Amino acid sequence: MQIEQVASSHVKAIAYDRKERMLYVQFHSGAAYAWDGISKEVYYQFLAASSKGQFLHDVIRPAYGDGDKM
């Protein structure tokens, strides 16, 4: 699993476990969350999104919930 540092005002890093279909997001605040059942397509869309925070709010949370705090 590779951790991707991203350019975002809220999201610091994103990681994805393809085998487990788990998305991990670390915020600049230090908080970290995990989402289960994320497809690789959604992960790649998230990485490519011009606004990571907006994508998280508009796509991931409505479809997959608020995630599990780590």
PDB file of N, CA and C in Angstrom:
ATOM      1  N   MET A   1       0.853  -1.177   0.000  1.00  0.00           N
ATOM      2  CA  MET A   1       0.000   0.000   0.000  1.00  0.00           C
ATOM      3  C   MET A   1       0.898   1.239   0.000  1.00  0.00           C
ATOM      4  N   GLN A   2       0.606   2.123  -0.925  1.00  0.00           N
ATOM      5  CA  GLN A   2       1.393   3.349  -1.049  1.00  0.00           C
ATOM      6  C   GLN A   2       0.589   4.533  -0.535  1.00  0.00           C
ATOM      7  N   ILE A   3       1.247   5.397   0.208  1.00  0.00           N
ATOM      8  CA  ILE A   3       0.608   6.610   0.719  1.00  0.00           C
ATOM      9  C   ILE A   3       0.915   7.743  -0.247  1.00  0.00           C
ATOM     10  N   GLU A   4      -0.136   8.407  -0.695  1.00  0.00           N
ATOM     11  CA  GLU A   4       0.003   9.522  -1.625  1.00  0.00           C
ATOM     12  C   GLU A   4      -0.201  10.835  -0.877  1.00  0.00           C
ATOM     13  N   GLN A   5       0.828  11.669  -0.817  1.00  0.00           N
ATOM     14  CA  GLN A   5       0.681  13.022  -0.285  1.00  0.00           C
ATOM     15  C   GLN A   5      -0.065  13.819  -1.354  1.00  0.00           C
ATOM     16  N   VAL A   6      -1.086  14.571  -0.965  1.00  0.00           N
ATOM     17  CA  VAL A   6      -1.890  15.291  -1.949  1.00  0.00           C
ATOM     18  C   VAL A   6      -1.922  16.783  -1.646  1.00  0.00           C
ATOM     19  N   ALA A   7      -2.179  17.545  -2.694  1.00  0.00           N
ATOM     20  CA  ALA A   7      -2.314  18.997  -2.552  1.00  0.00           C
ATOM     21  C   ALA A   7      -3.771  19.295  -2.246  1.00  0.00           C
ATOM     22  N   SER A   8      -4.044  19.646  -1.001  1.00  0.00           N
ATOM     23  CA  SER A   8      -5.406  19.915  -0.566  1.00  0.00           C
ATOM     24  C   SER A   8      -5.359  20.744   0.706  1.00  0.00           C
ATOM     25  N   SER A   9      -6.353  21.575   0.882  1.00  0.00           N
ATOM     26  CA  SER A   9      -6.388  22.385   2.094  1.00  0.00           C
ATOM     27  C   SER A   9      -6.856  21.582   3.309  1.00  0.00           C
ATOM     28  N   HIS A  10      -7.525  20.451   3.086  1.00  0.00           N
ATOM     29  CA  HIS A  10      -8.028  19.641   4.196  1.00  0.00           C
ATOM     30  C   HIS A  10      -7.381  18.259   4.276  1.00  0.00           C
ATOM     31  N   VAL A  11      -7.169  17.633   3.127  1.00  0.00           N
ATOM     32  CA  VAL A  11      -6.639  16.272   3.071  1.00  0.00           C
ATOM     33  C   VAL A  11      -5.121  16.313   2.925  1.00  0.00           C
ATOM     34  N   LYS A  12      -4.436  15.596   3.808  1.00  0.00           N
ATOM     35  CA  LYS A  12      -2.969  15.556   3.767  1.00  0.00           C
ATOM     36  C   LYS A  12      -2.469  14.387   2.925  1.00  0.00           C
ATOM     37  N   ALA A  13      -3.069  13.203   3.114  1.00  0.00           N
ATOM     38  CA  ALA A  13      -2.594  12.006   2.423  1.00  0.00           C
ATOM     39  C   ALA A  13      -3.737  11.023   2.212  1.00  0.00           C
ATOM     40  N   ILE A  14      -3.584  10.226   1.155  1.00  0.00           N
ATOM     41  CA  ILE A  14      -4.563   9.201   0.804  1.00  0.00           C
ATOM     42  C   ILE A  14      -3.802   7.905   0.572  1.00  0.00           C
ATOM     43  N   ALA A  15      -4.338   6.804   1.075  1.00  0.00           N
ATOM     44  CA  ALA A  15      -3.761   5.480   0.814  1.00  0.00           C
ATOM     45  C   ALA A  15      -4.898   4.535   0.452  1.00  0.00           C
ATOM     46  N   TYR A  16      -4.583   3.516  -0.338  1.00  0.00           N
ATOM     47  CA  TYR A  16      -5.601   2.565  -0.778  1.00  0.00           C
ATOM     48  C   TYR A  16      -5.031   1.165  -0.754  1.00  0.00           C
ATOM     49  N   ASP A  17      -5.770   0.250  -0.138  1.00  0.00           N
ATOM     50  CA  ASP A  17      -5.411  -1.164  -0.102  1.00  0.00           C
ATOM     51  C   ASP A  17      -6.309  -1.879  -1.101  1.00  0.00           C
ATOM     52  N   ARG A  18      -5.755  -2.232  -2.257  1.00  0.00           N
ATOM     53  CA  ARG A  18      -6.554  -2.846  -3.329  1.00  0.00           C
ATOM     54  C   ARG A  18      -7.144  -4.184  -2.925  1.00  0.00           C
ATOM     55  N   LYS A  19      -6.379  -4.995  -2.227  1.00  0.00           N
ATOM     56  CA  LYS A  19      -6.850  -6.325  -1.832  1.00  0.00           C
ATOM     57  C   LYS A  19      -8.048  -6.217  -0.882  1.00  0.00           C
ATOM     58  N   GLU A  20      -7.955  -5.332   0.080  1.00  0.00           N
ATOM     59  CA  GLU A  20      -9.014  -5.165   1.080  1.00  0.00           C
ATOM     60  C   GLU A  20     -10.073  -4.143   0.658  1.00  0.00           C
ATOM     61  N   ARG A  21      -9.800  -3.389  -0.428  1.00  0.00           N
ATOM     62  CA  ARG A  21     -10.697  -2.334  -0.919  1.00  0.00           C
ATOM     63  C   ARG A  21     -10.956  -1.279   0.175  1.00  0.00           C
ATOM     64  N   MET A  22      -9.871  -0.918   0.866  1.00  0.00           N
ATOM     65  CA  MET A  22      -9.938   0.060   1.949  1.00  0.00           C
ATOM     66  C   MET A  22      -9.270   1.361   1.518  1.00  0.00           C
ATOM     67  N   LEU A  23      -9.953   2.457   1.788  1.00  0.00           N
ATOM     68  CA  LEU A  23      -9.421   3.790   1.532  1.00  0.00           C
ATOM     69  C   LEU A  23      -9.076   4.420   2.870  1.00  0.00           C
ATOM     70  N   TYR A  24      -7.889   4.982   2.964  1.00  0.00           N
ATOM     71  CA  TYR A  24      -7.435   5.650   4.177  1.00  0.00           C
ATOM     72  C   TYR A  24      -7.154   7.111   3.843  1.00  0.00           C
ATOM     73  N   VAL A  25      -7.669   7.998   4.693  1.00  0.00           N
ATOM     74  CA  VAL A  25      -7.471   9.427   4.470  1.00  0.00           C
ATOM     75  C   VAL A  25      -6.953  10.056   5.754  1.00  0.00           C
ATOM     76  N   GLN A  26      -5.851  10.799   5.638  1.00  0.00           N
ATOM     77  CA  GLN A  26      -5.327  11.565   6.762  1.00  0.00           C
ATOM     78  C   GLN A  26      -5.547  13.040   6.460  1.00  0.00           C
ATOM     79  N   PHE A  27      -6.056  13.752   7.443  1.00  0.00           N
ATOM     80  CA  PHE A  27      -6.330  15.177   7.299  1.00  0.00           C
ATOM     81  C   PHE A  27      -5.202  15.991   7.920  1.00  0.00           C
ATOM     82  N   HIS A  28      -5.093  17.243   7.518  1.00  0.00           N
ATOM     83  CA  HIS A  28      -4.069  18.123   8.078  1.00  0.00           C
ATOM     84  C   HIS A  28      -4.256  18.312   9.583  1.00  0.00           C
ATOM     85  N   SER A  29      -5.479  18.121  10.059  1.00  0.00           N
ATOM     86  CA  SER A  29      -5.757  18.249  11.492  1.00  0.00           C
ATOM     87  C   SER A  29      -5.127  17.122  12.309  1.00  0.00           C
ATOM     88  N   GLY A  30      -4.713  16.053  11.610  1.00  0.00           N
ATOM     89  CA  GLY A  30      -4.165  14.885  12.291  1.00  0.00           C
ATOM     90  C   GLY A  30      -5.143  13.734  12.348  1.00  0.00           C
ATOM     91  N   ALA A  31      -6.425  14.000  12.136  1.00  0.00           N
ATOM     92  CA  ALA A  31      -7.430  12.948  12.136  1.00  0.00           C
ATOM     93  C   ALA A  31      -7.220  12.032  10.935  1.00  0.00           C
ATOM     94  N   ALA A  32      -7.556  10.759  11.105  1.00  0.00           N
ATOM     95  CA  ALA A  32      -7.447   9.792  10.019  1.00  0.00           C
ATOM     96  C   ALA A  32      -8.689   8.899  10.032  1.00  0.00           C
ATOM     97  N   TYR A  33      -9.175   8.577   8.850  1.00  0.00           N
ATOM     98  CA  TYR A  33     -10.377   7.758   8.703  1.00  0.00           C
ATOM     99  C   TYR A  33     -10.151   6.693   7.648  1.00  0.00           C
ATOM    100  N   ALA A  34     -10.933   5.604   7.745  1.00  0.00           N
ATOM    101  CA  ALA A  34     -10.874   4.514   6.779  1.00  0.00           C
ATOM    102  C   ALA A  34     -12.279   4.206   6.269  1.00  0.00           C
ATOM    103  N   TRP A  35     -12.354   3.896   4.996  1.00  0.00           N
ATOM    104  CA  TRP A  35     -13.621   3.499   4.367  1.00  0.00           C
ATOM    105  C   TRP A  35     -13.430   2.143   3.717  1.00  0.00           C
ATOM    106  N   ASP A  36     -14.405   1.272   3.889  1.00  0.00           N
ATOM    107  CA  ASP A  36     -14.381  -0.084   3.350  1.00  0.00           C
ATOM    108  C   ASP A  36     -15.235  -0.156   2.086  1.00  0.00           C
ATOM    109  N   GLY A  37     -14.853  -1.032   1.158  1.00  0.00           N
ATOM    110  CA  GLY A  37     -15.654  -1.281  -0.029  1.00  0.00           C
ATOM    111  C   GLY A  37     -15.456  -0.271  -1.141  1.00  0.00           C
ATOM    112  N   ILE A  38     -14.354   0.455  -1.108  1.00  0.00           N
ATOM    113  CA  ILE A  38     -14.081   1.479  -2.123  1.00  0.00           C
ATOM    114  C   ILE A  38     -13.436   0.809  -3.348  1.00  0.00           C
ATOM    115  N   SER A  39     -14.011   1.033  -4.515  1.00  0.00           N
ATOM    116  CA  SER A  39     -13.446   0.462  -5.735  1.00  0.00           C
ATOM    117  C   SER A  39     -12.190   1.226  -6.142  1.00  0.00           C
ATOM    118  N   LYS A  40     -11.355   0.578  -6.943  1.00  0.00           N
ATOM    119  CA  LYS A  40     -10.145   1.255  -7.407  1.00  0.00           C
ATOM    120  C   LYS A  40     -10.503   2.433  -8.298  1.00  0.00           C
ATOM    121  N   GLU A  41     -11.637   2.361  -9.002  1.00  0.00           N
ATOM    122  CA  GLU A  41     -12.072   3.475  -9.845  1.00  0.00           C
ATOM    123  C   GLU A  41     -12.384   4.713  -9.008  1.00  0.00           C
ATOM    124  N   VAL A  42     -13.069   4.515  -7.893  1.00  0.00           N
ATOM    125  CA  VAL A  42     -13.385   5.640  -7.002  1.00  0.00           C
ATOM    126  C   VAL A  42     -12.097   6.196  -6.405  1.00  0.00           C
ATOM    127  N   TYR A  43     -11.181   5.327  -6.034  1.00  0.00           N
ATOM    128  CA  TYR A  43      -9.887   5.778  -5.510  1.00  0.00           C
ATOM    129  C   TYR A  43      -9.163   6.656  -6.536  1.00  0.00           C
ATOM    130  N   TYR A  44      -9.102   6.206  -7.786  1.00  0.00           N
ATOM    131  CA  TYR A  44      -8.422   6.994  -8.820  1.00  0.00           C
ATOM    132  C   TYR A  44      -9.145   8.310  -9.097  1.00  0.00           C
ATOM    133  N   GLN A  45     -10.468   8.298  -9.043  1.00  0.00           N
ATOM    134  CA  GLN A  45     -11.232   9.539  -9.205  1.00  0.00           C
ATOM    135  C   GLN A  45     -10.920  10.506  -8.068  1.00  0.00           C
ATOM    136  N   PHE A  46     -10.794   9.972  -6.866  1.00  0.00           N
ATOM    137  CA  PHE A  46     -10.463  10.786  -5.697  1.00  0.00           C
ATOM    138  C   PHE A  46      -9.082  11.431  -5.883  1.00  0.00           C
ATOM    139  N   LEU A  47      -8.109  10.631  -6.296  1.00  0.00           N
ATOM    140  CA  LEU A  47      -6.765  11.169  -6.523  1.00  0.00           C
ATOM    141  C   LEU A  47      -6.760  12.260  -7.589  1.00  0.00           C
ATOM    142  N   ALA A  48      -7.587  12.090  -8.610  1.00  0.00           N
ATOM    143  CA  ALA A  48      -7.614  13.033  -9.734  1.00  0.00           C
ATOM    144  C   ALA A  48      -8.478  14.261  -9.476  1.00  0.00           C
ATOM    145  N   ALA A  49      -9.299  14.227  -8.437  1.00  0.00           N
ATOM    146  CA  ALA A  49     -10.226  15.330  -8.167  1.00  0.00           C
ATOM    147  C   ALA A  49      -9.463  16.621  -7.893  1.00  0.00           C
ATOM    148  N   SER A  50      -9.952  17.702  -8.454  1.00  0.00           N
ATOM    149  CA  SER A  50      -9.301  18.997  -8.226  1.00  0.00           C
ATOM    150  C   SER A  50      -9.492  19.462  -6.784  1.00  0.00           C
ATOM    151  N   SER A  51     -10.597  19.052  -6.159  1.00  0.00           N
ATOM    152  CA  SER A  51     -10.838  19.355  -4.749  1.00  0.00           C
ATOM    153  C   SER A  51     -11.079  18.046  -4.014  1.00  0.00           C
ATOM    154  N   LYS A  52     -10.077  17.608  -3.265  1.00  0.00           N
ATOM    155  CA  LYS A  52     -10.190  16.345  -2.522  1.00  0.00           C
ATOM    156  C   LYS A  52     -11.285  16.418  -1.454  1.00  0.00           C
ATOM    157  N   GLY A  53     -11.363  17.543  -0.757  1.00  0.00           N
ATOM    158  CA  GLY A  53     -12.388  17.704   0.268  1.00  0.00           C
ATOM    159  C   GLY A  53     -13.788  17.669  -0.312  1.00  0.00           C
ATOM    160  N   GLN A  54     -13.980  18.305  -1.452  1.00  0.00           N
ATOM    161  CA  GLN A  54     -15.295  18.319  -2.104  1.00  0.00           C
ATOM    162  C   GLN A  54     -15.661  16.923  -2.594  1.00  0.00           C
ATOM    163  N   PHE A  55     -14.711  16.188  -3.143  1.00  0.00           N
ATOM    164  CA  PHE A  55     -14.962  14.820  -3.610  1.00  0.00           C
ATOM    165  C   PHE A  55     -15.348  13.937  -2.426  1.00  0.00           C
ATOM    166  N   LEU A  56     -14.641  14.070  -1.337  1.00  0.00           N
ATOM    167  CA  LEU A  56     -14.946  13.302  -0.133  1.00  0.00           C
ATOM    168  C   LEU A  56     -16.365  13.603   0.333  1.00  0.00           C
ATOM    169  N   HIS A  57     -16.729  14.875   0.345  1.00  0.00           N
ATOM    170  CA  HIS A  57     -18.047  15.306   0.795  1.00  0.00           C
ATOM    171  C   HIS A  57     -19.156  14.898  -0.174  1.00  0.00           C
ATOM    172  N   ASP A  58     -18.910  15.031  -1.484  1.00  0.00           N
ATOM    173  CA  ASP A  58     -19.952  14.799  -2.493  1.00  0.00           C
ATOM    174  C   ASP A  58     -20.079  13.361  -2.959  1.00  0.00           C
ATOM    175  N   VAL A  59     -18.996  12.605  -2.927  1.00  0.00           N
ATOM    176  CA  VAL A  59     -19.026  11.252  -3.494  1.00  0.00           C
ATOM    177  C   VAL A  59     -18.843  10.169  -2.427  1.00  0.00           C
ATOM    178  N   ILE A  60     -17.767  10.260  -1.664  1.00  0.00           N
ATOM    179  CA  ILE A  60     -17.443   9.169  -0.747  1.00  0.00           C
ATOM    180  C   ILE A  60     -18.400   9.099   0.436  1.00  0.00           C
ATOM    181  N   ARG A  61     -18.605  10.197   1.125  1.00  0.00           N
ATOM    182  CA  ARG A  61     -19.468  10.144   2.314  1.00  0.00           C
ATOM    183  C   ARG A  61     -20.914   9.767   1.992  1.00  0.00           C
ATOM    184  N   PRO A  62     -21.538  10.306   0.949  1.00  0.00           N
ATOM    185  CA  PRO A  62     -22.914   9.883   0.658  1.00  0.00           C
ATOM    186  C   PRO A  62     -23.030   8.390   0.319  1.00  0.00           C
ATOM    187  N   ALA A  63     -22.035   7.835  -0.363  1.00  0.00           N
ATOM    188  CA  ALA A  63     -22.098   6.440  -0.791  1.00  0.00           C
ATOM    189  C   ALA A  63     -21.567   5.454   0.248  1.00  0.00           C
ATOM    190  N   TYR A  64     -20.584   5.886   1.055  1.00  0.00           N
ATOM    191  CA  TYR A  64     -19.892   4.961   1.953  1.00  0.00           C
ATOM    192  C   TYR A  64     -19.943   5.355   3.424  1.00  0.00           C
ATOM    193  N   GLY A  65     -20.613   6.435   3.739  1.00  0.00           N
ATOM    194  CA  GLY A  65     -20.733   6.848   5.130  1.00  0.00           C
ATOM    195  C   GLY A  65     -19.571   7.729   5.576  1.00  0.00           C
ATOM    196  N   ASP A  66     -19.517   7.985   6.859  1.00  0.00           N
ATOM    197  CA  ASP A  66     -18.514   8.879   7.423  1.00  0.00           C
ATOM    198  C   ASP A  66     -17.149   8.230   7.660  1.00  0.00           C
ATOM    199  N   GLY A  67     -17.047   6.940   7.468  1.00  0.00           N
ATOM    200  CA  GLY A  67     -15.776   6.244   7.670  1.00  0.00           C
ATOM    201  C   GLY A  67     -15.542   5.934   9.130  1.00  0.00           C
ATOM    202  N   ASP A  68     -14.548   5.118   9.371  1.00  0.00           N
ATOM    203  CA  ASP A  68     -14.167   4.719  10.729  1.00  0.00           C
ATOM    204  C   ASP A  68     -12.947   5.519  11.156  1.00  0.00           C
ATOM    205  N   LYS A  69     -13.073   6.180  12.297  1.00  0.00           N
ATOM    206  CA  LYS A  69     -11.938   6.965  12.812  1.00  0.00           C
ATOM    207  C   LYS A  69     -10.830   6.006  13.225  1.00  0.00           C
ATOM    208  N   MET A  70      -9.606   6.385  12.886  1.00  0.00           N
ATOM    209  CA  MET A  70      -8.456   5.533  13.225  1.00  0.00           C
ATOM    210  C   MET A  70      -7.683   6.133  14.366  1.00  0.00           C
TER     211      MET A  70
END
